[in-house]
Protein backbone atom coordinates (compact mmCIF):
# COMPACT_ATOMS: atom_id res chain seq x y z
CA MET A 1 -8.97 -21.91 12.47
CA LEU A 2 -7.40 -18.87 11.40
CA HIS A 3 -6.73 -16.41 14.12
CA PRO A 4 -7.84 -13.56 13.21
CA SER A 5 -10.67 -14.85 11.05
CA TYR A 6 -11.97 -13.36 7.86
CA THR A 7 -15.19 -11.83 9.51
CA ASP A 8 -12.72 -10.12 12.13
CA LEU A 9 -10.43 -8.93 9.29
CA MET A 10 -13.65 -7.47 7.49
CA ASP A 11 -14.92 -5.89 10.51
CA VAL A 12 -11.45 -4.18 10.76
CA VAL A 13 -11.19 -3.09 7.38
CA ASN A 14 -14.90 -1.74 7.42
CA ALA A 15 -14.84 -0.22 11.07
CA GLY A 16 -14.76 3.45 9.63
CA VAL A 17 -17.51 3.07 7.22
CA GLU A 18 -20.40 4.85 8.21
CA GLU A 19 -23.99 3.37 8.17
CA GLY A 20 -25.28 3.56 4.71
CA GLU A 21 -22.27 3.65 3.05
CA GLU A 22 -20.73 0.72 0.76
CA PRO A 23 -18.47 -1.18 2.78
CA ILE A 24 -14.71 -1.24 1.68
CA VAL A 25 -14.53 -5.07 1.49
CA SER A 26 -17.70 -7.16 1.23
CA SER A 27 -15.76 -10.58 0.68
CA ARG A 28 -13.27 -12.68 1.76
CA TYR A 29 -11.83 -12.35 -1.66
CA SER A 30 -10.84 -8.78 -1.10
CA ILE A 31 -9.33 -9.80 2.12
CA VAL A 32 -7.06 -12.66 0.28
CA LEU A 33 -5.95 -10.48 -2.36
CA ALA A 34 -4.95 -7.54 0.01
CA THR A 35 -2.79 -9.81 2.21
CA ALA A 36 -1.54 -11.86 -0.69
CA LYS A 37 -0.19 -8.41 -2.49
CA ARG A 38 1.30 -7.08 0.90
CA ALA A 39 3.14 -10.67 1.70
CA ARG A 40 4.46 -10.16 -1.72
CA GLN A 41 5.79 -6.64 -1.23
CA ILE A 42 7.33 -8.01 2.15
CA ILE A 43 9.00 -10.80 0.05
CA ASP A 44 10.50 -8.44 -2.24
CA GLY A 45 12.35 -6.40 0.44
CA SER A 46 9.47 -4.03 1.92
CA GLU A 47 9.88 -3.58 5.51
CA PRO A 48 7.14 -4.64 7.65
CA LEU A 49 4.81 -2.27 9.56
CA VAL A 50 4.53 -4.52 12.52
CA TYR A 51 6.94 -7.15 14.38
CA ILE A 52 5.63 -10.34 15.03
CA ASN A 53 7.59 -13.48 16.00
CA ASP A 54 6.54 -15.55 13.05
CA LYS A 55 8.68 -14.84 10.13
CA LYS A 56 6.24 -15.72 7.43
CA PRO A 57 5.32 -12.90 5.19
CA LEU A 58 1.58 -13.76 4.76
CA SER A 59 1.38 -13.87 8.64
CA THR A 60 2.91 -10.57 8.71
CA ALA A 61 0.64 -9.11 6.36
CA VAL A 62 -2.56 -10.58 8.01
CA GLU A 63 -1.21 -8.91 11.36
CA GLU A 64 -0.59 -5.53 9.61
CA LEU A 65 -4.16 -5.60 8.22
CA ASN A 66 -5.59 -6.70 11.79
CA SER A 67 -3.58 -4.04 13.59
CA GLY A 68 -4.51 -1.08 11.22
CA ALA A 69 -1.33 -0.59 10.20
CA MET A 70 -2.21 -1.38 6.57
CA ARG A 71 -5.33 -0.18 4.88
CA ILE A 72 -7.53 -1.35 2.02
CA LEU A 73 -8.21 1.82 -0.26
CA ASN A 74 -11.74 1.84 -1.64
CA HIS A 75 -11.94 2.70 -5.30
CA GLU A 76 -11.72 6.59 -4.96
CA GLU A 77 -8.99 6.58 -2.59
CA ALA A 78 -7.20 4.07 -4.90
CA LEU A 79 -7.47 6.65 -7.92
CA GLU A 80 -6.18 9.39 -5.67
CA ALA A 81 -3.33 7.55 -4.57
CA GLU A 82 -2.53 6.45 -8.15
CA ALA A 83 -2.83 9.98 -9.22
CA ALA A 84 -0.26 11.36 -6.67
CA GLU A 85 2.03 8.79 -7.30
CA ALA A 86 1.82 9.61 -10.94
CA GLU A 87 2.58 13.38 -9.92
CA LEU A 88 5.40 12.25 -8.07
CA ILE A 89 7.02 10.38 -10.71
CA ALA A 90 6.79 13.24 -13.28
CA ALA A 91 8.15 15.74 -10.97
CA ALA A 92 11.25 13.24 -10.00
CA GLU A 93 11.38 12.98 -13.85
CA ALA A 94 11.41 16.81 -14.65
CA ALA A 95 14.10 17.40 -11.72
CA ALA A 96 16.45 14.71 -13.30
CA GLU A 97 15.83 16.29 -16.61
CA ASN A 98 16.76 19.72 -15.33
CA ALA A 99 19.80 18.36 -13.59
CA ASP A 100 21.05 16.76 -16.88
CA LYS A 101 20.39 20.05 -18.62
CA ALA A 102 22.53 21.94 -15.89
CA ALA A 103 25.26 19.68 -16.14
CA ASP A 104 25.46 19.83 -19.97
CA GLN A 105 25.35 23.51 -19.57
CA SER A 106 28.35 23.53 -17.09
CA GLU A 107 30.35 21.23 -19.27
CA GLU A 108 30.03 23.83 -22.37
CA ALA A 109 30.94 26.48 -20.37
CA GLU A 110 34.03 25.11 -19.44
């Protein structure tokens, strides 16, 4: 048996949902997808958000979800996060372009 169970994880994820609202996750599939995605991030070098003795990335991802260190975003939150990330990328690209222009101008001035 898995500890915590899928139902325990679903309860943790849906803890902040008020009565009458749609739950963030309503199936085990959502839990599996979220923890698998996070485990892949850990494998790719992302720092774990919690420390556990088990070195397996999936176990770490499950514990992150269970402890509340990781959240599964609902659809609206995911769209907002994507938009914010796109704004940050655009701002970084604009700053890099401005720095390149400034460097080119300083070279021409010399």
